[in-house]
């Protein structure tokens, strides 16, 4: 699945990173608690969250994620978008709620850690 596929499946708007929509995505996670993402999430390419602060971008950067999807029509500040762009992170904004967005991606084959190969 590509970031463009995620964008289309979630009816999302590209906030930054339009040039990277063809990047392949093999796994995802959803959380509003960045401490959980740091403690438990490994090898995830996409983070879905409703938390709207710079710590989300910093966490994604530390975890080598290539895309952040803000759910519930949340829009990052220009400073957050600039930070993401500097780090090569694509930001999407989706009108879907977290539960629905995760379900859509899961039902279309995007898995979490431990489920990628089976």
PDB file of N, CA and C in Angstrom:
ATOM      1  N   UNK A   1       0.850  -1.167   0.000  1.00  0.00           N
ATOM      2  CA  UNK A   1       0.000   0.000   0.000  1.00  0.00           C
ATOM      3  C   UNK A   1       0.900   1.235   0.000  1.00  0.00           C
ATOM      4  N   UNK A   2       0.484   2.264  -0.688  1.00  0.00           N
ATOM      5  CA  UNK A   2       1.237   3.511  -0.720  1.00  0.00           C
ATOM      6  C   UNK A   2       0.545   4.571   0.150  1.00  0.00           C
ATOM      7  N   UNK A   3       1.255   5.646   0.411  1.00  0.00           N
ATOM      8  CA  UNK A   3       0.650   6.752   1.154  1.00  0.00           C
ATOM      9  C   UNK A   3      -0.540   7.301   0.369  1.00  0.00           C
ATOM     10  N   UNK A   4      -0.427   7.305  -0.958  1.00  0.00           N
ATOM     11  CA  UNK A   4      -1.552   7.769  -1.784  1.00  0.00           C
ATOM     12  C   UNK A   4      -2.783   6.888  -1.579  1.00  0.00           C
ATOM     13  N   UNK A   5      -2.586   5.581  -1.443  1.00  0.00           N
ATOM     14  CA  UNK A   5      -3.706   4.674  -1.156  1.00  0.00           C
ATOM     15  C   UNK A   5      -4.352   5.037   0.177  1.00  0.00           C
ATOM     16  N   UNK A   6      -3.520   5.309   1.172  1.00  0.00           N
ATOM     17  CA  UNK A   6      -4.035   5.698   2.492  1.00  0.00           C
ATOM     18  C   UNK A   6      -4.833   6.989   2.375  1.00  0.00           C
ATOM     19  N   UNK A   7      -4.280   7.945   1.670  1.00  0.00           N
ATOM     20  CA  UNK A   7      -4.967   9.223   1.446  1.00  0.00           C
ATOM     21  C   UNK A   7      -6.349   8.985   0.854  1.00  0.00           C
ATOM     22  N   UNK A   8      -6.414   8.156  -0.170  1.00  0.00           N
ATOM     23  CA  UNK A   8      -7.694   7.900  -0.832  1.00  0.00           C
ATOM     24  C   UNK A   8      -8.659   7.119   0.050  1.00  0.00           C
ATOM     25  N   UNK A   9      -8.174   6.094   0.731  1.00  0.00           N
ATOM     26  CA  UNK A   9      -9.036   5.278   1.596  1.00  0.00           C
ATOM     27  C   UNK A   9      -9.629   6.092   2.738  1.00  0.00           C
ATOM     28  N   UNK A  10      -8.865   7.057   3.242  1.00  0.00           N
ATOM     29  CA  UNK A  10      -9.316   7.842   4.401  1.00  0.00           C
ATOM     30  C   UNK A  10      -9.884   9.207   4.022  1.00  0.00           C
ATOM     31  N   UNK A  11     -10.084   9.438   2.719  1.00  0.00           N
ATOM     32  CA  UNK A  11     -10.593  10.734   2.252  1.00  0.00           C
ATOM     33  C   UNK A  11      -9.781  11.878   2.846  1.00  0.00           C
ATOM     34  N   UNK A  12      -8.478  11.691   2.855  1.00  0.00           N
ATOM     35  CA  UNK A  12      -7.593  12.636   3.543  1.00  0.00           C
ATOM     36  C   UNK A  12      -7.075  13.723   2.620  1.00  0.00           C
ATOM     37  N   UNK A  13      -6.695  14.808   3.239  1.00  0.00           N
ATOM     38  CA  UNK A  13      -6.062  15.941   2.568  1.00  0.00           C
ATOM     39  C   UNK A  13      -4.566  15.879   2.881  1.00  0.00           C
ATOM     40  N   UNK A  14      -3.737  16.182   1.897  1.00  0.00           N
ATOM     41  CA  UNK A  14      -2.297  16.232   2.118  1.00  0.00           C
ATOM     42  C   UNK A  14      -1.936  17.603   2.673  1.00  0.00           C
ATOM     43  N   UNK A  15      -1.338  17.621   3.856  1.00  0.00           N
ATOM     44  CA  UNK A  15      -0.904  18.865   4.477  1.00  0.00           C
ATOM     45  C   UNK A  15       0.519  19.191   4.040  1.00  0.00           C
ATOM     46  N   UNK A  16       1.373  18.181   3.998  1.00  0.00           N
ATOM     47  CA  UNK A  16       2.725  18.355   3.483  1.00  0.00           C
ATOM     48  C   UNK A  16       3.256  17.000   3.025  1.00  0.00           C
ATOM     49  N   UNK A  17       4.204  17.048   2.107  1.00  0.00           N
ATOM     50  CA  UNK A  17       4.824  15.822   1.622  1.00  0.00           C
ATOM     51  C   UNK A  17       4.211  15.254   0.359  1.00  0.00           C
ATOM     52  N   UNK A  18       3.527  16.084  -0.396  1.00  0.00           N
ATOM     53  CA  UNK A  18       2.857  15.654  -1.633  1.00  0.00           C
ATOM     54  C   UNK A  18       3.798  14.849  -2.535  1.00  0.00           C
ATOM     55  N   UNK A  19       5.073  15.200  -2.531  1.00  0.00           N
ATOM     56  CA  UNK A  19       6.048  14.545  -3.411  1.00  0.00           C
ATOM     57  C   UNK A  19       6.373  13.115  -2.980  1.00  0.00           C
ATOM     58  N   UNK A  20       5.922  12.701  -1.798  1.00  0.00           N
ATOM     59  CA  UNK A  20       6.260  11.371  -1.274  1.00  0.00           C
ATOM     60  C   UNK A  20       5.075  10.410  -1.236  1.00  0.00           C
ATOM     61  N   UNK A  21       4.006  10.722  -1.919  1.00  0.00           N
ATOM     62  CA  UNK A  21       2.799   9.889  -1.853  1.00  0.00           C
ATOM     63  C   UNK A  21       2.994   8.496  -2.424  1.00  0.00           C
ATOM     64  N   UNK A  22       4.026   8.279  -3.220  1.00  0.00           N
ATOM     65  CA  UNK A  22       4.261   6.955  -3.800  1.00  0.00           C
ATOM     66  C   UNK A  22       5.073   6.032  -2.894  1.00  0.00           C
ATOM     67  N   UNK A  23       5.459   6.492  -1.718  1.00  0.00           N
ATOM     68  CA  UNK A  23       6.218   5.643  -0.797  1.00  0.00           C
ATOM     69  C   UNK A  23       5.355   4.485  -0.319  1.00  0.00           C
ATOM     70  N   UNK A  24       5.987   3.311  -0.225  1.00  0.00           N
ATOM     71  CA  UNK A  24       5.296   2.103   0.231  1.00  0.00           C
ATOM     72  C   UNK A  24       5.158   2.087   1.749  1.00  0.00           C
ATOM     73  N   UNK A  25       4.008   1.616   2.185  1.00  0.00           N
ATOM     74  CA  UNK A  25       3.697   1.488   3.604  1.00  0.00           C
ATOM     75  C   UNK A  25       3.352   0.028   3.876  1.00  0.00           C
ATOM     76  N   UNK A  26       3.936  -0.534   4.934  1.00  0.00           N
ATOM     77  CA  UNK A  26       3.682  -1.938   5.257  1.00  0.00           C
ATOM     78  C   UNK A  26       3.058  -2.139   6.631  1.00  0.00           C
ATOM     79  N   UNK A  27       3.013  -1.085   7.450  1.00  0.00           N
ATOM     80  CA  UNK A  27       2.465  -1.233   8.788  1.00  0.00           C
ATOM     81  C   UNK A  27       2.022   0.122   9.334  1.00  0.00           C
ATOM     82  N   UNK A  28       1.175   0.053  10.361  1.00  0.00           N
ATOM     83  CA  UNK A  28       0.640   1.284  10.941  1.00  0.00           C
ATOM     84  C   UNK A  28       0.292   1.060  12.404  1.00  0.00           C
ATOM     85  N   UNK A  29       0.112   2.171  13.122  1.00  0.00           N
ATOM     86  CA  UNK A  29      -0.387   2.108  14.492  1.00  0.00           C
ATOM     87  C   UNK A  29      -1.260   3.328  14.730  1.00  0.00           C
ATOM     88  N   UNK A  30      -2.130   3.221  15.706  1.00  0.00           N
ATOM     89  CA  UNK A  30      -2.991   4.337  16.072  1.00  0.00           C
ATOM     90  C   UNK A  30      -2.898   4.584  17.564  1.00  0.00           C
ATOM     91  N   UNK A  31      -2.589   5.815  17.969  1.00  0.00           N
ATOM     92  CA  UNK A  31      -2.490   6.136  19.384  1.00  0.00           C
ATOM     93  C   UNK A  31      -2.490   7.646  19.585  1.00  0.00           C
ATOM     94  N   UNK A  32      -3.056   8.063  20.701  1.00  0.00           N
ATOM     95  CA  UNK A  32      -2.972   9.458  21.128  1.00  0.00           C
ATOM     96  C   UNK A  32      -1.949   9.623  22.246  1.00  0.00           C
ATOM     97  N   UNK A  33      -1.356   8.528  22.672  1.00  0.00           N
ATOM     98  CA  UNK A  33      -0.365   8.574  23.758  1.00  0.00           C
ATOM     99  C   UNK A  33       1.021   8.334  23.168  1.00  0.00           C
ATOM    100  N   UNK A  34       1.787   9.410  23.040  1.00  0.00           N
ATOM    101  CA  UNK A  34       3.100   9.289  22.425  1.00  0.00           C
ATOM    102  C   UNK A  34       4.053   8.452  23.285  1.00  0.00           C
ATOM    103  N   UNK A  35       3.823   8.408  24.588  1.00  0.00           N
ATOM    104  CA  UNK A  35       4.662   7.556  25.442  1.00  0.00           C
ATOM    105  C   UNK A  35       4.460   6.092  25.085  1.00  0.00           C
ATOM    106  N   UNK A  36       3.232   5.694  24.748  1.00  0.00           N
ATOM    107  CA  UNK A  36       2.986   4.317  24.314  1.00  0.00           C
ATOM    108  C   UNK A  36       3.637   4.043  22.966  1.00  0.00           C
ATOM    109  N   UNK A  37       3.581   5.006  22.075  1.00  0.00           N
ATOM    110  CA  UNK A  37       4.213   4.838  20.768  1.00  0.00           C
ATOM    111  C   UNK A  37       5.712   4.610  20.958  1.00  0.00           C
ATOM    112  N   UNK A  38       6.332   5.420  21.807  1.00  0.00           N
ATOM    113  CA  UNK A  38       7.771   5.277  22.058  1.00  0.00           C
ATOM    114  C   UNK A  38       8.106   3.957  22.751  1.00  0.00           C
ATOM    115  N   UNK A  39       7.243   3.513  23.658  1.00  0.00           N
ATOM    116  CA  UNK A  39       7.537   2.315  24.445  1.00  0.00           C
ATOM    117  C   UNK A  39       7.218   1.012  23.727  1.00  0.00           C
ATOM    118  N   UNK A  40       6.167   0.991  22.920  1.00  0.00           N
ATOM    119  CA  UNK A  40       5.672  -0.286  22.415  1.00  0.00           C
ATOM    120  C   UNK A  40       5.697  -0.445  20.906  1.00  0.00           C
ATOM    121  N   UNK A  41       5.832   0.621  20.182  1.00  0.00           N
ATOM    122  CA  UNK A  41       5.704   0.551  18.732  1.00  0.00           C
ATOM    123  C   UNK A  41       7.084   0.459  18.088  1.00  0.00           C
ATOM    124  N   UNK A  42       7.248  -0.534  17.248  1.00  0.00           N
ATOM    125  CA  UNK A  42       8.491  -0.693  16.492  1.00  0.00           C
ATOM    126  C   UNK A  42       8.130  -0.950  15.033  1.00  0.00           C
ATOM    127  N   UNK A  43       8.931  -0.428  14.143  1.00  0.00           N
ATOM    128  CA  UNK A  43       8.788  -0.716  12.708  1.00  0.00           C
ATOM    129  C   UNK A  43       7.428  -0.361  12.136  1.00  0.00           C
ATOM    130  N   UNK A  44       6.875   0.752  12.570  1.00  0.00           N
ATOM    131  CA  UNK A  44       5.618   1.220  12.017  1.00  0.00           C
ATOM    132  C   UNK A  44       5.905   2.396  11.104  1.00  0.00           C
ATOM    133  N   UNK A  45       5.301   2.402   9.939  1.00  0.00           N
ATOM    134  CA  UNK A  45       5.565   3.462   8.974  1.00  0.00           C
ATOM    135  C   UNK A  45       4.569   4.613   9.093  1.00  0.00           C
ATOM    136  N   UNK A  46       3.364   4.325   9.610  1.00  0.00           N
ATOM    137  CA  UNK A  46       2.309   5.339   9.690  1.00  0.00           C
ATOM    138  C   UNK A  46       1.781   5.419  11.115  1.00  0.00           C
ATOM    139  N   UNK A  47       1.604   6.639  11.586  1.00  0.00           N
ATOM    140  CA  UNK A  47       0.984   6.880  12.888  1.00  0.00           C
ATOM    141  C   UNK A  47      -0.336   7.595  12.661  1.00  0.00           C
ATOM    142  N   UNK A  48      -1.415   7.028  13.182  1.00  0.00           N
ATOM    143  CA  UNK A  48      -2.718   7.691  13.166  1.00  0.00           C
ATOM    144  C   UNK A  48      -2.965   8.231  14.566  1.00  0.00           C
ATOM    145  N   UNK A  49      -3.349   9.501  14.654  1.00  0.00           N
ATOM    146  CA  UNK A  49      -3.545  10.114  15.964  1.00  0.00           C
ATOM    147  C   UNK A  49      -4.521  11.283  15.895  1.00  0.00           C
ATOM    148  N   UNK A  50      -5.108  11.577  17.033  1.00  0.00           N
ATOM    149  CA  UNK A  50      -5.938  12.761  17.172  1.00  0.00           C
ATOM    150  C   UNK A  50      -5.255  13.814  18.018  1.00  0.00           C
ATOM    151  N   UNK A  51      -4.060  13.492  18.505  1.00  0.00           N
ATOM    152  CA  UNK A  51      -3.292  14.422  19.316  1.00  0.00           C
ATOM    153  C   UNK A  51      -2.631  15.447  18.405  1.00  0.00           C
ATOM    154  N   UNK A  52      -2.797  16.694  18.727  1.00  0.00           N
ATOM    155  CA  UNK A  52      -2.315  17.753  17.849  1.00  0.00           C
ATOM    156  C   UNK A  52      -1.300  18.634  18.574  1.00  0.00           C
ATOM    157  N   UNK A  53      -0.037  18.182  18.568  1.00  0.00           N
ATOM    158  CA  UNK A  53       1.052  19.004  19.080  1.00  0.00           C
ATOM    159  C   UNK A  53       2.361  18.564  18.435  1.00  0.00           C
ATOM    160  N   UNK A  54       3.381  19.360  18.627  1.00  0.00           N
ATOM    161  CA  UNK A  54       4.676  19.095  17.976  1.00  0.00           C
ATOM    162  C   UNK A  54       5.293  17.787  18.436  1.00  0.00           C
ATOM    163  N   UNK A  55       4.930  17.321  19.619  1.00  0.00           N
ATOM    164  CA  UNK A  55       5.478  16.056  20.125  1.00  0.00           C
ATOM    165  C   UNK A  55       5.135  14.893  19.199  1.00  0.00           C
ATOM    166  N   UNK A  56       4.009  14.964  18.513  1.00  0.00           N
ATOM    167  CA  UNK A  56       3.631  13.915  17.557  1.00  0.00           C
ATOM    168  C   UNK A  56       4.659  13.827  16.438  1.00  0.00           C
ATOM    169  N   UNK A  57       5.051  14.961  15.912  1.00  0.00           N
ATOM    170  CA  UNK A  57       6.034  14.980  14.827  1.00  0.00           C
ATOM    171  C   UNK A  57       7.390  14.520  15.340  1.00  0.00           C
ATOM    172  N   UNK A  58       7.776  14.977  16.512  1.00  0.00           N
ATOM    173  CA  UNK A  58       9.052  14.546  17.104  1.00  0.00           C
ATOM    174  C   UNK A  58       9.069  13.032  17.338  1.00  0.00           C
ATOM    175  N   UNK A  59       7.961  12.498  17.825  1.00  0.00           N
ATOM    176  CA  UNK A  59       7.865  11.054  18.049  1.00  0.00           C
ATOM    177  C   UNK A  59       7.964  10.299  16.733  1.00  0.00           C
ATOM    178  N   UNK A  60       7.238  10.751  15.738  1.00  0.00           N
ATOM    179  CA  UNK A  60       7.294  10.096  14.421  1.00  0.00           C
ATOM    180  C   UNK A  60       8.708  10.128  13.871  1.00  0.00           C
ATOM    181  N   UNK A  61       9.374  11.239  14.052  1.00  0.00           N
ATOM    182  CA  UNK A  61      10.750  11.375  13.583  1.00  0.00           C
ATOM    183  C   UNK A  61      11.669  10.396  14.315  1.00  0.00           C
ATOM    184  N   UNK A  62      11.551  10.301  15.618  1.00  0.00           N
ATOM    185  CA  UNK A  62      12.382   9.394  16.408  1.00  0.00           C
ATOM    186  C   UNK A  62      12.150   7.937  16.040  1.00  0.00           C
ATOM    187  N   UNK A  63      10.924   7.608  15.642  1.00  0.00           N
ATOM    188  CA  UNK A  63      10.564   6.226  15.332  1.00  0.00           C
ATOM    189  C   UNK A  63      10.703   5.913  13.841  1.00  0.00           C
ATOM    190  N   UNK A  64      11.281   6.835  13.087  1.00  0.00           N
ATOM    191  CA  UNK A  64      11.492   6.653  11.639  1.00  0.00           C
ATOM    192  C   UNK A  64      10.199   6.399  10.868  1.00  0.00           C
ATOM    193  N   UNK A  65       9.118   7.013  11.311  1.00  0.00           N
ATOM    194  CA  UNK A  65       7.852   6.913  10.587  1.00  0.00           C
ATOM    195  C   UNK A  65       7.899   7.863   9.397  1.00  0.00           C
ATOM    196  N   UNK A  66       7.187   7.505   8.342  1.00  0.00           N
ATOM    197  CA  UNK A  66       7.219   8.355   7.154  1.00  0.00           C
ATOM    198  C   UNK A  66       5.906   9.082   6.903  1.00  0.00           C
ATOM    199  N   UNK A  67       4.897   8.801   7.747  1.00  0.00           N
ATOM    200  CA  UNK A  67       3.600   9.452   7.547  1.00  0.00           C
ATOM    201  C   UNK A  67       2.856   9.543   8.871  1.00  0.00           C
ATOM    202  N   UNK A  68       2.211  10.683   9.084  1.00  0.00           N
ATOM    203  CA  UNK A  68       1.314  10.874  10.221  1.00  0.00           C
ATOM    204  C   UNK A  68      -0.049  11.253   9.655  1.00  0.00           C
ATOM    205  N   UNK A  69      -1.080  10.562  10.130  1.00  0.00           N
ATOM    206  CA  UNK A  69      -2.454  10.876   9.741  1.00  0.00           C
ATOM    207  C   UNK A  69      -3.168  11.439  10.963  1.00  0.00           C
ATOM    208  N   UNK A  70      -3.578  12.701  10.866  1.00  0.00           N
ATOM    209  CA  UNK A  70      -4.384  13.294  11.921  1.00  0.00           C
ATOM    210  C   UNK A  70      -5.845  12.993  11.604  1.00  0.00           C
ATOM    211  N   UNK A  71      -6.535  12.399  12.565  1.00  0.00           N
ATOM    212  CA  UNK A  71      -7.936  12.024  12.372  1.00  0.00           C
ATOM    213  C   UNK A  71      -8.853  13.138  12.875  1.00  0.00           C
ATOM    214  N   UNK A  72     -10.137  12.980  12.644  1.00  0.00           N
ATOM    215  CA  UNK A  72     -11.172  13.925  13.086  1.00  0.00           C
ATOM    216  C   UNK A  72     -10.943  15.341  12.558  1.00  0.00           C
ATOM    217  N   UNK A  73     -10.465  15.425  11.310  1.00  0.00           N
ATOM    218  CA  UNK A  73     -10.240  16.725  10.653  1.00  0.00           C
ATOM    219  C   UNK A  73      -9.266  17.632  11.391  1.00  0.00           C
ATOM    220  N   UNK A  74      -8.418  17.065  12.214  1.00  0.00           N
ATOM    221  CA  UNK A  74      -7.426  17.880  12.912  1.00  0.00           C
ATOM    222  C   UNK A  74      -6.401  18.365  11.893  1.00  0.00           C
ATOM    223  N   UNK A  75      -6.012  19.614  12.029  1.00  0.00           N
ATOM    224  CA  UNK A  75      -5.042  20.226  11.120  1.00  0.00           C
ATOM    225  C   UNK A  75      -3.849  20.712  11.948  1.00  0.00           C
ATOM    226  N   UNK A  76      -2.646  20.303  11.573  1.00  0.00           N
ATOM    227  CA  UNK A  76      -1.471  20.752  12.316  1.00  0.00           C
ATOM    228  C   UNK A  76      -1.200  22.232  12.081  1.00  0.00           C
ATOM    229  N   UNK A  77      -0.480  22.816  13.010  1.00  0.00           N
ATOM    230  CA  UNK A  77      -0.068  24.215  12.854  1.00  0.00           C
ATOM    231  C   UNK A  77       0.950  24.301  11.722  1.00  0.00           C
ATOM    232  N   UNK A  78       1.149  25.492  11.169  1.00  0.00           N
ATOM    233  CA  UNK A  78       2.184  25.654  10.150  1.00  0.00           C
ATOM    234  C   UNK A  78       3.571  25.235  10.651  1.00  0.00           C
ATOM    235  N   UNK A  79       3.861  25.481  11.929  1.00  0.00           N
ATOM    236  CA  UNK A  79       5.146  25.081  12.503  1.00  0.00           C
ATOM    237  C   UNK A  79       5.295  23.566  12.524  1.00  0.00           C
ATOM    238  N   UNK A  80       4.213  22.864  12.845  1.00  0.00           N
ATOM    239  CA  UNK A  80       4.253  21.401  12.842  1.00  0.00           C
ATOM    240  C   UNK A  80       4.456  20.874  11.424  1.00  0.00           C
ATOM    241  N   UNK A  81       3.772  21.471  10.470  1.00  0.00           N
ATOM    242  CA  UNK A  81       3.911  21.053   9.073  1.00  0.00           C
ATOM    243  C   UNK A  81       5.333  21.302   8.580  1.00  0.00           C
ATOM    244  N   UNK A  82       5.921  22.423   8.988  1.00  0.00           N
ATOM    245  CA  UNK A  82       7.292  22.733   8.586  1.00  0.00           C
ATOM    246  C   UNK A  82       8.274  21.734   9.195  1.00  0.00           C
ATOM    247  N   UNK A  83       8.080  21.392  10.459  1.00  0.00           N
ATOM    248  CA  UNK A  83       8.927  20.412  11.129  1.00  0.00           C
ATOM    249  C   UNK A  83       8.829  19.057  10.429  1.00  0.00           C
ATOM    250  N   UNK A  84       7.615  18.657  10.075  1.00  0.00           N
ATOM    251  CA  UNK A  84       7.423  17.383   9.369  1.00  0.00           C
ATOM    252  C   UNK A  84       8.098  17.412   8.006  1.00  0.00           C
ATOM    253  N   UNK A  85       7.930  18.500   7.286  1.00  0.00           N
ATOM    254  CA  UNK A  85       8.538  18.624   5.957  1.00  0.00           C
ATOM    255  C   UNK A  85      10.064  18.541   6.056  1.00  0.00           C
ATOM    256  N   UNK A  86      10.638  19.180   7.048  1.00  0.00           N
ATOM    257  CA  UNK A  86      12.092  19.130   7.251  1.00  0.00           C
ATOM    258  C   UNK A  86      12.566  17.713   7.531  1.00  0.00           C
ATOM    259  N   UNK A  87      11.706  16.902   8.144  1.00  0.00           N
ATOM    260  CA  UNK A  87      12.050  15.526   8.498  1.00  0.00           C
ATOM    261  C   UNK A  87      11.628  14.528   7.427  1.00  0.00           C
ATOM    262  N   UNK A  88      11.014  15.012   6.358  1.00  0.00           N
ATOM    263  CA  UNK A  88      10.568  14.118   5.297  1.00  0.00           C
ATOM    264  C   UNK A  88       9.346  13.292   5.655  1.00  0.00           C
ATOM    265  N   UNK A  89       8.548  13.795   6.580  1.00  0.00           N
ATOM    266  CA  UNK A  89       7.343  13.095   7.024  1.00  0.00           C
ATOM    267  C   UNK A  89       6.124  13.667   6.308  1.00  0.00           C
ATOM    268  N   UNK A  90       5.335  12.796   5.711  1.00  0.00           N
ATOM    269  CA  UNK A  90       4.090  13.208   5.070  1.00  0.00           C
ATOM    270  C   UNK A  90       3.036  13.389   6.159  1.00  0.00           C
ATOM    271  N   UNK A  91       2.268  14.465   6.058  1.00  0.00           N
ATOM    272  CA  UNK A  91       1.147  14.667   6.977  1.00  0.00           C
ATOM    273  C   UNK A  91      -0.146  14.663   6.178  1.00  0.00           C
ATOM    274  N   UNK A  92      -1.087  13.838   6.665  1.00  0.00           N
ATOM    275  CA  UNK A  92      -2.430  13.788   6.101  1.00  0.00           C
ATOM    276  C   UNK A  92      -3.419  14.188   7.178  1.00  0.00           C
ATOM    277  N   UNK A  93      -4.544  14.750   6.766  1.00  0.00           N
ATOM    278  CA  UNK A  93      -5.639  15.078   7.680  1.00  0.00           C
ATOM    279  C   UNK A  93      -6.895  14.412   7.149  1.00  0.00           C
ATOM    280  N   UNK A  94      -7.506  13.561   7.980  1.00  0.00           N
ATOM    281  CA  UNK A  94      -8.682  12.794   7.562  1.00  0.00           C
ATOM    282  C   UNK A  94      -9.901  13.167   8.405  1.00  0.00           C
ATOM    283  N   UNK A  95     -11.074  13.182   7.786  1.00  0.00           N
ATOM    284  CA  UNK A  95     -12.293  13.437   8.556  1.00  0.00           C
ATOM    285  C   UNK A  95     -12.737  12.230   9.387  1.00  0.00           C
ATOM    286  N   UNK A  96     -12.142  11.079   9.133  1.00  0.00           N
ATOM    287  CA  UNK A  96     -12.538   9.850   9.841  1.00  0.00           C
ATOM    288  C   UNK A  96     -12.118   9.916  11.304  1.00  0.00           C
ATOM    289  N   UNK A  97     -12.864   9.184  12.139  1.00  0.00           N
ATOM    290  CA  UNK A  97     -12.473   9.019  13.533  1.00  0.00           C
ATOM    291  C   UNK A  97     -11.404   7.939  13.602  1.00  0.00           C
ATOM    292  N   UNK A  98     -10.650   7.896  14.672  1.00  0.00           N
ATOM    293  CA  UNK A  98      -9.535   6.965  14.815  1.00  0.00           C
ATOM    294  C   UNK A  98      -9.969   5.514  14.584  1.00  0.00           C
ATOM    295  N   UNK A  99     -11.019   5.099  15.252  1.00  0.00           N
ATOM    296  CA  UNK A  99     -11.482   3.712  15.157  1.00  0.00           C
ATOM    297  C   UNK A  99     -11.815   3.349  13.712  1.00  0.00           C
ATOM    298  N   UNK A 100     -12.545   4.217  13.047  1.00  0.00           N
ATOM    299  CA  UNK A 100     -12.929   3.968  11.654  1.00  0.00           C
ATOM    300  C   UNK A 100     -11.707   3.960  10.739  1.00  0.00           C
ATOM    301  N   UNK A 101     -10.806   4.922  10.907  1.00  0.00           N
ATOM    302  CA  UNK A 101      -9.613   5.011  10.053  1.00  0.00           C
ATOM    303  C   UNK A 101      -8.752   3.763  10.193  1.00  0.00           C
ATOM    304  N   UNK A 102      -8.520   3.330  11.421  1.00  0.00           N
ATOM    305  CA  UNK A 102      -7.723   2.121  11.635  1.00  0.00           C
ATOM    306  C   UNK A 102      -8.410   0.904  11.025  1.00  0.00           C
ATOM    307  N   UNK A 103      -9.720   0.817  11.191  1.00  0.00           N
ATOM    308  CA  UNK A 103     -10.472  -0.301  10.627  1.00  0.00           C
ATOM    309  C   UNK A 103     -10.411  -0.344   9.113  1.00  0.00           C
ATOM    310  N   UNK A 104     -10.514   0.806   8.490  1.00  0.00           N
ATOM    311  CA  UNK A 104     -10.449   0.882   7.020  1.00  0.00           C
ATOM    312  C   UNK A 104      -9.078   0.406   6.537  1.00  0.00           C
ATOM    313  N   UNK A 105      -8.025   0.890   7.157  1.00  0.00           N
ATOM    314  CA  UNK A 105      -6.683   0.494   6.732  1.00  0.00           C
ATOM    315  C   UNK A 105      -6.441  -0.989   6.991  1.00  0.00           C
ATOM    316  N   UNK A 106      -6.879  -1.478   8.130  1.00  0.00           N
ATOM    317  CA  UNK A 106      -6.704  -2.893   8.464  1.00  0.00           C
ATOM    318  C   UNK A 106      -7.465  -3.778   7.479  1.00  0.00           C
ATOM    319  N   UNK A 107      -8.693  -3.409   7.181  1.00  0.00           N
ATOM    320  CA  UNK A 107      -9.502  -4.235   6.276  1.00  0.00           C
ATOM    321  C   UNK A 107      -9.004  -4.190   4.836  1.00  0.00           C
ATOM    322  N   UNK A 108      -8.142  -3.224   4.540  1.00  0.00           N
ATOM    323  CA  UNK A 108      -7.547  -3.145   3.210  1.00  0.00           C
ATOM    324  C   UNK A 108      -6.118  -3.691   3.186  1.00  0.00           C
ATOM    325  N   UNK A 109      -5.741  -4.409   4.241  1.00  0.00           N
ATOM    326  CA  UNK A 109      -4.485  -5.141   4.240  1.00  0.00           C
ATOM    327  C   UNK A 109      -3.328  -4.538   4.994  1.00  0.00           C
ATOM    328  N   UNK A 110      -3.490  -3.345   5.553  1.00  0.00           N
ATOM    329  CA  UNK A 110      -2.388  -2.735   6.305  1.00  0.00           C
ATOM    330  C   UNK A 110      -2.426  -3.275   7.726  1.00  0.00           C
ATOM    331  N   UNK A 111      -1.340  -3.831   8.171  1.00  0.00           N
ATOM    332  CA  UNK A 111      -1.290  -4.484   9.471  1.00  0.00           C
ATOM    333  C   UNK A 111      -0.389  -3.743  10.441  1.00  0.00           C
ATOM    334  N   UNK A 112      -0.429  -4.180  11.674  1.00  0.00           N
ATOM    335  CA  UNK A 112       0.439  -3.642  12.710  1.00  0.00           C
ATOM    336  C   UNK A 112       1.628  -4.559  12.907  1.00  0.00           C
ATOM    337  N   UNK A 113       2.458  -4.196  13.839  1.00  0.00           N
ATOM    338  CA  UNK A 113       3.652  -4.987  14.148  1.00  0.00           C
ATOM    339  C   UNK A 113       3.257  -6.419  14.515  1.00  0.00           C
ATOM    340  N   UNK A 114       4.007  -7.381  14.031  1.00  0.00           N
ATOM    341  CA  UNK A 114       3.743  -8.781  14.350  1.00  0.00           C
ATOM    342  C   UNK A 114       2.744  -9.441  13.429  1.00  0.00           C
ATOM    343  N   UNK A 115       2.048  -8.654  12.630  1.00  0.00           N
ATOM    344  CA  UNK A 115       1.051  -9.221  11.723  1.00  0.00           C
ATOM    345  C   UNK A 115       1.457  -9.079  10.267  1.00  0.00           C
ATOM    346  N   UNK A 116       2.598  -8.491  10.024  1.00  0.00           N
ATOM    347  CA  UNK A 116       2.985  -8.157   8.662  1.00  0.00           C
ATOM    348  C   UNK A 116       3.177  -9.400   7.794  1.00  0.00           C
ATOM    349  N   UNK A 117       3.791 -10.435   8.331  1.00  0.00           N
ATOM    350  CA  UNK A 117       4.067 -11.632   7.545  1.00  0.00           C
ATOM    351  C   UNK A 117       3.183 -12.799   7.928  1.00  0.00           C
ATOM    352  N   UNK A 118       2.074 -12.563   8.485  1.00  0.00           N
ATOM    353  CA  UNK A 118       1.245 -13.701   8.787  1.00  0.00           C
ATOM    354  C   UNK A 118       0.236 -13.384   9.774  1.00  0.00           C
TER     355      UNK A 118
END
